[in-house]
N, C-alpha and C. Protein backbone atom coordinates (compact mmCIF):
# COMPACT_ATOMS: atom_id res chain seq x y z
N MET A 1 93.83 -122.58 -40.92
CA MET A 1 94.49 -121.70 -40.17
C MET A 1 94.28 -120.21 -41.01
N MET A 2 94.29 -120.28 -42.25
CA MET A 2 94.15 -119.12 -43.05
C MET A 2 92.78 -118.35 -42.81
N HIS A 3 91.74 -119.25 -42.66
CA HIS A 3 90.46 -118.57 -42.67
C HIS A 3 90.31 -117.94 -41.27
N LEU A 4 91.02 -118.58 -40.22
CA LEU A 4 90.93 -118.02 -38.91
C LEU A 4 91.68 -116.53 -38.70
N ILE A 5 92.82 -116.54 -39.46
CA ILE A 5 93.57 -115.30 -39.57
C ILE A 5 92.72 -114.20 -40.43
N MET A 6 91.98 -114.70 -41.51
CA MET A 6 91.31 -113.82 -42.43
C MET A 6 90.22 -113.29 -41.37
N ALA A 7 89.43 -113.98 -40.80
CA ALA A 7 88.42 -113.90 -39.82
C ALA A 7 88.83 -112.84 -38.79
N PHE A 8 89.91 -112.86 -38.19
CA PHE A 8 90.58 -112.02 -37.19
C PHE A 8 90.73 -110.76 -37.80
N SER A 9 91.27 -110.66 -39.03
CA SER A 9 91.52 -109.52 -39.87
C SER A 9 90.28 -108.56 -40.05
N TYR A 10 89.19 -109.38 -40.31
CA TYR A 10 87.87 -108.60 -40.59
C TYR A 10 87.47 -107.98 -39.14
N TRP A 11 87.67 -108.65 -37.99
CA TRP A 11 87.17 -108.22 -36.93
C TRP A 11 88.10 -107.14 -36.53
N ILE A 12 89.38 -107.09 -36.66
CA ILE A 12 90.16 -105.97 -36.18
C ILE A 12 90.04 -104.83 -37.16
N THR A 13 89.76 -104.92 -38.36
CA THR A 13 89.26 -103.83 -39.08
C THR A 13 88.00 -103.12 -38.61
N LEU A 14 86.84 -103.89 -38.53
CA LEU A 14 85.62 -103.40 -37.91
C LEU A 14 85.74 -102.77 -36.62
N HIS A 15 86.55 -103.52 -35.57
CA HIS A 15 86.86 -102.75 -34.27
C HIS A 15 87.59 -101.67 -34.48
N ASN A 16 88.68 -101.40 -35.14
CA ASN A 16 89.44 -100.21 -35.34
C ASN A 16 88.67 -99.02 -36.04
N VAL A 17 87.81 -99.18 -36.91
CA VAL A 17 87.03 -98.12 -37.60
C VAL A 17 85.93 -97.83 -36.95
N CYS A 18 84.99 -98.77 -36.72
CA CYS A 18 83.60 -98.32 -36.17
C CYS A 18 83.52 -98.26 -34.82
N GLU A 19 84.51 -98.83 -33.84
CA GLU A 19 84.22 -98.60 -32.61
C GLU A 19 85.32 -97.73 -32.11
N LEU A 20 86.70 -97.57 -32.41
CA LEU A 20 87.69 -96.77 -31.94
C LEU A 20 88.03 -95.64 -33.08
N GLY A 21 87.66 -95.61 -34.26
CA GLY A 21 87.74 -94.36 -35.14
C GLY A 21 89.12 -94.27 -35.63
N MET A 22 89.85 -95.40 -35.50
CA MET A 22 91.39 -95.26 -36.02
C MET A 22 91.46 -96.09 -37.28
N ILE A 23 91.24 -95.08 -38.49
CA ILE A 23 91.28 -95.60 -39.78
C ILE A 23 92.57 -96.19 -40.18
N TRP A 24 93.80 -95.49 -39.81
CA TRP A 24 95.04 -95.84 -40.35
C TRP A 24 95.52 -97.23 -39.66
N CYS A 25 95.10 -97.23 -38.31
CA CYS A 25 95.52 -98.51 -37.79
C CYS A 25 94.73 -99.54 -38.23
N SER A 26 93.51 -99.36 -38.65
CA SER A 26 92.72 -100.45 -39.41
C SER A 26 93.49 -100.94 -40.68
N ASN A 27 94.03 -99.81 -41.52
CA ASN A 27 94.62 -100.19 -42.63
C ASN A 27 95.98 -100.90 -42.65
N LEU A 28 96.70 -100.57 -41.64
CA LEU A 28 97.87 -101.16 -41.15
C LEU A 28 97.57 -102.48 -40.90
N GLY A 29 96.57 -102.81 -39.84
CA GLY A 29 96.37 -104.22 -39.37
C GLY A 29 95.81 -105.09 -40.58
N ALA A 30 95.01 -104.45 -41.30
CA ALA A 30 94.45 -105.44 -42.34
C ALA A 30 95.49 -105.79 -43.35
N ALA A 31 96.33 -104.77 -43.72
CA ALA A 31 97.52 -104.87 -44.73
C ALA A 31 98.26 -106.09 -44.12
N GLY A 32 98.71 -106.05 -43.02
CA GLY A 32 99.77 -106.91 -42.41
C GLY A 32 99.21 -108.28 -42.40
N LEU A 33 97.83 -108.37 -41.87
CA LEU A 33 97.34 -109.68 -41.79
C LEU A 33 96.94 -110.21 -43.19
N THR A 34 96.63 -109.58 -44.10
CA THR A 34 96.26 -109.95 -45.45
C THR A 34 97.68 -110.47 -46.12
N ALA A 35 98.63 -109.77 -45.85
CA ALA A 35 99.93 -110.42 -46.30
C ALA A 35 100.24 -111.72 -45.71
N GLY A 36 100.03 -111.86 -44.31
CA GLY A 36 100.10 -113.20 -43.70
C GLY A 36 99.40 -114.22 -44.34
N VAL A 37 98.08 -113.81 -44.69
CA VAL A 37 97.02 -114.85 -45.38
C VAL A 37 97.66 -115.26 -46.67
N TRP A 38 98.14 -114.25 -47.47
CA TRP A 38 98.70 -114.47 -48.79
C TRP A 38 99.95 -115.50 -48.60
N ILE A 39 100.77 -115.12 -47.68
CA ILE A 39 101.83 -116.24 -47.69
C ILE A 39 101.53 -117.50 -47.25
N MET A 40 100.58 -117.74 -46.25
CA MET A 40 100.11 -119.05 -45.81
C MET A 40 99.46 -119.70 -47.09
N PHE A 41 98.71 -118.93 -47.78
CA PHE A 41 97.99 -119.63 -49.17
C PHE A 41 99.12 -120.05 -50.10
N ARG A 42 100.25 -119.18 -50.19
CA ARG A 42 101.10 -119.58 -51.12
C ARG A 42 102.02 -120.67 -50.72
N MET A 43 102.12 -120.88 -49.38
CA MET A 43 102.90 -122.04 -48.78
C MET A 43 101.91 -123.53 -49.00
N ASP A 44 100.66 -123.20 -49.10
CA ASP A 44 99.91 -124.56 -49.14
C ASP A 44 99.34 -124.73 -50.42
N VAL A 45 99.17 -124.05 -51.53
CA VAL A 45 98.73 -124.20 -52.81
C VAL A 45 99.82 -123.82 -53.79
N LEU A 46 100.01 -124.83 -54.63
CA LEU A 46 101.09 -124.67 -55.67
C LEU A 46 100.66 -123.66 -56.67
N PRO A 47 101.43 -123.11 -57.56
CA PRO A 47 100.90 -122.00 -58.76
C PRO A 47 100.15 -122.81 -59.68
N GLU A 48 100.64 -123.94 -60.06
CA GLU A 48 100.00 -124.70 -61.28
C GLU A 48 98.63 -125.14 -60.87
N HIS A 49 98.30 -125.03 -59.41
CA HIS A 49 96.85 -125.41 -58.89
C HIS A 49 96.08 -124.27 -58.61
N GLY A 50 96.30 -123.03 -59.10
CA GLY A 50 95.53 -121.83 -58.96
C GLY A 50 95.91 -121.04 -57.81
N GLY A 51 97.37 -121.17 -57.36
CA GLY A 51 97.77 -120.49 -56.21
C GLY A 51 98.74 -119.28 -56.51
N ALA A 52 98.68 -118.91 -57.72
CA ALA A 52 99.39 -117.72 -58.24
C ALA A 52 99.30 -116.46 -57.52
N PHE A 53 98.00 -115.97 -57.53
CA PHE A 53 97.77 -114.58 -56.93
C PHE A 53 96.25 -114.68 -56.45
N PRO A 54 96.05 -114.92 -55.19
CA PRO A 54 94.82 -115.03 -54.77
C PRO A 54 94.22 -113.82 -54.49
N VAL A 55 93.44 -113.21 -55.39
CA VAL A 55 93.07 -111.94 -55.22
C VAL A 55 91.68 -111.72 -54.33
N GLU A 56 91.01 -112.93 -54.28
CA GLU A 56 89.81 -112.87 -53.37
C GLU A 56 90.19 -112.70 -51.93
N ILE A 57 91.30 -113.32 -51.50
CA ILE A 57 91.81 -113.20 -50.23
C ILE A 57 92.22 -111.80 -49.56
N SER A 58 92.34 -110.66 -50.63
CA SER A 58 92.59 -109.48 -49.99
C SER A 58 91.36 -108.64 -49.45
N GLY A 59 90.23 -109.52 -49.22
CA GLY A 59 88.99 -108.80 -48.84
C GLY A 59 89.10 -107.88 -47.55
N PRO A 60 89.89 -108.23 -46.47
CA PRO A 60 90.04 -107.42 -45.27
C PRO A 60 90.64 -106.07 -45.54
N PHE A 61 91.69 -106.14 -46.40
CA PHE A 61 92.30 -104.78 -46.70
C PHE A 61 91.56 -103.88 -47.57
N ILE A 62 90.88 -104.57 -48.55
CA ILE A 62 89.73 -103.61 -49.37
C ILE A 62 88.57 -103.30 -48.36
N THR A 63 88.33 -104.02 -47.48
CA THR A 63 87.17 -103.55 -46.43
C THR A 63 87.57 -102.50 -45.70
N SER A 64 88.85 -102.50 -45.44
CA SER A 64 89.56 -101.43 -44.39
C SER A 64 89.52 -100.03 -45.52
N VAL A 65 89.82 -100.25 -46.50
CA VAL A 65 89.92 -98.94 -47.46
C VAL A 65 88.34 -98.44 -47.34
N THR A 66 87.57 -99.35 -47.73
CA THR A 66 86.12 -99.00 -47.88
C THR A 66 85.52 -98.29 -46.54
N LEU A 67 85.60 -99.04 -45.63
CA LEU A 67 85.28 -98.24 -44.48
C LEU A 67 85.75 -96.96 -44.11
N GLY A 68 87.26 -96.92 -44.48
CA GLY A 68 87.86 -95.52 -44.29
C GLY A 68 87.16 -94.43 -45.12
N MET A 69 86.79 -94.98 -46.46
CA MET A 69 86.05 -93.98 -47.24
C MET A 69 84.53 -93.68 -46.63
N MET A 70 83.95 -94.49 -45.95
CA MET A 70 82.68 -94.33 -45.64
C MET A 70 82.68 -93.63 -44.20
N TYR A 71 83.70 -93.77 -43.53
CA TYR A 71 83.70 -93.19 -41.96
C TYR A 71 84.76 -91.97 -42.04
N GLY A 72 85.32 -91.47 -43.07
CA GLY A 72 86.38 -90.52 -43.14
C GLY A 72 85.86 -89.31 -42.71
N HIS A 73 86.84 -88.29 -42.69
CA HIS A 73 86.66 -86.97 -41.95
C HIS A 73 85.64 -86.12 -42.95
N THR A 74 85.78 -86.12 -44.26
CA THR A 74 84.94 -85.41 -45.11
C THR A 74 84.28 -86.29 -45.96
N VAL A 75 83.08 -86.96 -45.69
CA VAL A 75 82.49 -88.00 -46.70
C VAL A 75 81.37 -86.95 -47.59
N THR A 76 81.68 -87.50 -48.86
CA THR A 76 80.81 -87.00 -49.87
C THR A 76 79.84 -87.98 -50.34
N GLN A 77 78.79 -87.64 -51.22
CA GLN A 77 77.99 -88.57 -51.72
C GLN A 77 78.63 -89.38 -52.70
N THR A 78 79.72 -88.84 -53.53
CA THR A 78 80.35 -89.78 -54.49
C THR A 78 81.32 -90.89 -53.68
N MET A 79 81.98 -90.42 -52.44
CA MET A 79 82.67 -91.19 -51.77
C MET A 79 81.78 -92.49 -51.29
N THR A 80 80.61 -92.00 -50.78
CA THR A 80 79.96 -93.14 -50.31
C THR A 80 79.35 -94.03 -51.48
N ASP A 81 79.05 -93.61 -52.53
CA ASP A 81 78.62 -94.37 -53.72
C ASP A 81 79.75 -95.35 -54.21
N VAL A 82 81.09 -94.77 -54.21
CA VAL A 82 82.22 -95.55 -54.47
C VAL A 82 82.16 -96.67 -53.48
N ALA A 83 82.17 -96.40 -52.22
CA ALA A 83 82.44 -97.57 -51.09
C ALA A 83 81.37 -98.36 -51.10
N ARG A 84 80.20 -98.08 -51.48
CA ARG A 84 78.94 -99.11 -51.67
C ARG A 84 79.50 -100.08 -52.82
N GLY A 85 79.82 -99.48 -54.10
CA GLY A 85 80.21 -100.26 -55.13
C GLY A 85 81.44 -101.26 -54.90
N ILE A 86 82.38 -100.85 -54.10
CA ILE A 86 83.55 -101.54 -53.56
C ILE A 86 83.07 -102.72 -52.60
N ALA A 87 82.06 -102.20 -51.73
CA ALA A 87 81.49 -103.39 -50.79
C ALA A 87 80.75 -104.41 -51.53
N ALA A 88 80.09 -104.13 -52.68
CA ALA A 88 79.46 -105.09 -53.52
C ALA A 88 80.78 -106.03 -54.18
N LEU A 89 81.96 -105.48 -54.66
CA LEU A 89 82.95 -106.03 -55.14
C LEU A 89 83.46 -107.25 -54.05
N ILE A 90 83.55 -106.61 -52.85
CA ILE A 90 84.00 -107.61 -51.94
C ILE A 90 83.04 -108.81 -51.61
N ILE A 91 81.85 -108.58 -51.71
CA ILE A 91 80.72 -109.94 -51.89
C ILE A 91 81.08 -110.83 -52.72
N LEU A 92 81.44 -110.28 -54.10
CA LEU A 92 81.63 -111.05 -55.40
C LEU A 92 83.00 -111.87 -55.00
N MET A 93 83.89 -111.05 -54.38
CA MET A 93 85.25 -111.78 -54.13
C MET A 93 84.90 -112.94 -53.11
N HIS A 94 84.10 -112.85 -52.09
CA HIS A 94 83.78 -114.03 -51.41
C HIS A 94 83.09 -115.14 -52.04
N VAL A 95 82.32 -114.83 -53.01
CA VAL A 95 81.60 -115.84 -53.88
C VAL A 95 82.58 -116.59 -54.67
N THR A 96 83.55 -115.71 -55.14
CA THR A 96 84.71 -116.38 -55.90
C THR A 96 85.38 -117.44 -55.24
N GLN A 97 85.79 -117.01 -54.12
CA GLN A 97 86.83 -117.87 -53.26
C GLN A 97 85.91 -118.96 -52.82
N ARG A 98 84.62 -118.97 -52.55
CA ARG A 98 83.70 -120.24 -52.26
C ARG A 98 83.80 -121.23 -53.60
N ILE A 99 83.70 -120.49 -54.67
CA ILE A 99 83.61 -121.35 -56.00
C ILE A 99 84.80 -122.10 -56.26
N LYS A 100 85.94 -121.21 -55.95
CA LYS A 100 87.29 -121.90 -56.04
C LYS A 100 87.66 -122.98 -54.87
N ALA A 101 87.20 -122.87 -53.95
CA ALA A 101 87.18 -123.85 -52.84
C ALA A 101 86.36 -124.83 -52.84
N GLN A 102 85.25 -124.91 -53.71
CA GLN A 102 84.44 -126.02 -53.78
C GLN A 102 85.00 -127.34 -54.19
N PRO A 103 85.66 -127.37 -55.36
CA PRO A 103 86.37 -128.67 -55.83
C PRO A 103 87.34 -129.24 -54.72
N VAL A 104 88.08 -128.45 -53.97
CA VAL A 104 88.87 -128.88 -53.00
C VAL A 104 88.12 -129.73 -51.89
N ALA A 105 86.96 -129.16 -51.52
CA ALA A 105 86.19 -129.70 -50.39
C ALA A 105 85.47 -130.88 -50.74
N LEU A 106 85.09 -131.11 -52.15
CA LEU A 106 84.50 -132.33 -52.62
C LEU A 106 85.34 -133.46 -52.78
N CYS A 107 84.85 -134.65 -52.48
CA CYS A 107 85.68 -135.83 -52.74
C CYS A 107 85.39 -136.50 -54.20
N PHE A 108 86.71 -136.28 -55.02
CA PHE A 108 86.49 -136.78 -56.35
C PHE A 108 86.98 -138.21 -56.52
N ARG A 109 86.72 -139.09 -57.40
CA ARG A 109 87.15 -140.31 -57.67
C ARG A 109 87.92 -140.19 -58.97
N LEU A 110 89.24 -140.42 -58.77
CA LEU A 110 90.23 -140.17 -59.98
C LEU A 110 90.32 -141.77 -60.51
């Protein structure tokens, strides 16, 4: 369920910024859905098993901020370069999330 809400958050972010041009609506929607995903994660994963602060799950909100920097009113070359760097960080966050979820997906013999 968490991944479905996260995918919807990415979609609503892209839809608001790229198709409708509503950057602040994108920020609010991504922030609310990211908070919901964090709450779902905390309800499922105990802190002693890596559930303390899932930074990699905040990807939709960071994507919203990055797209706001790229499609804002006054875009400079520096803002575009910073936004591209943050976009690379988002990709690394997804790789981190996959690495952390890999042991859960595998069957271990205890």
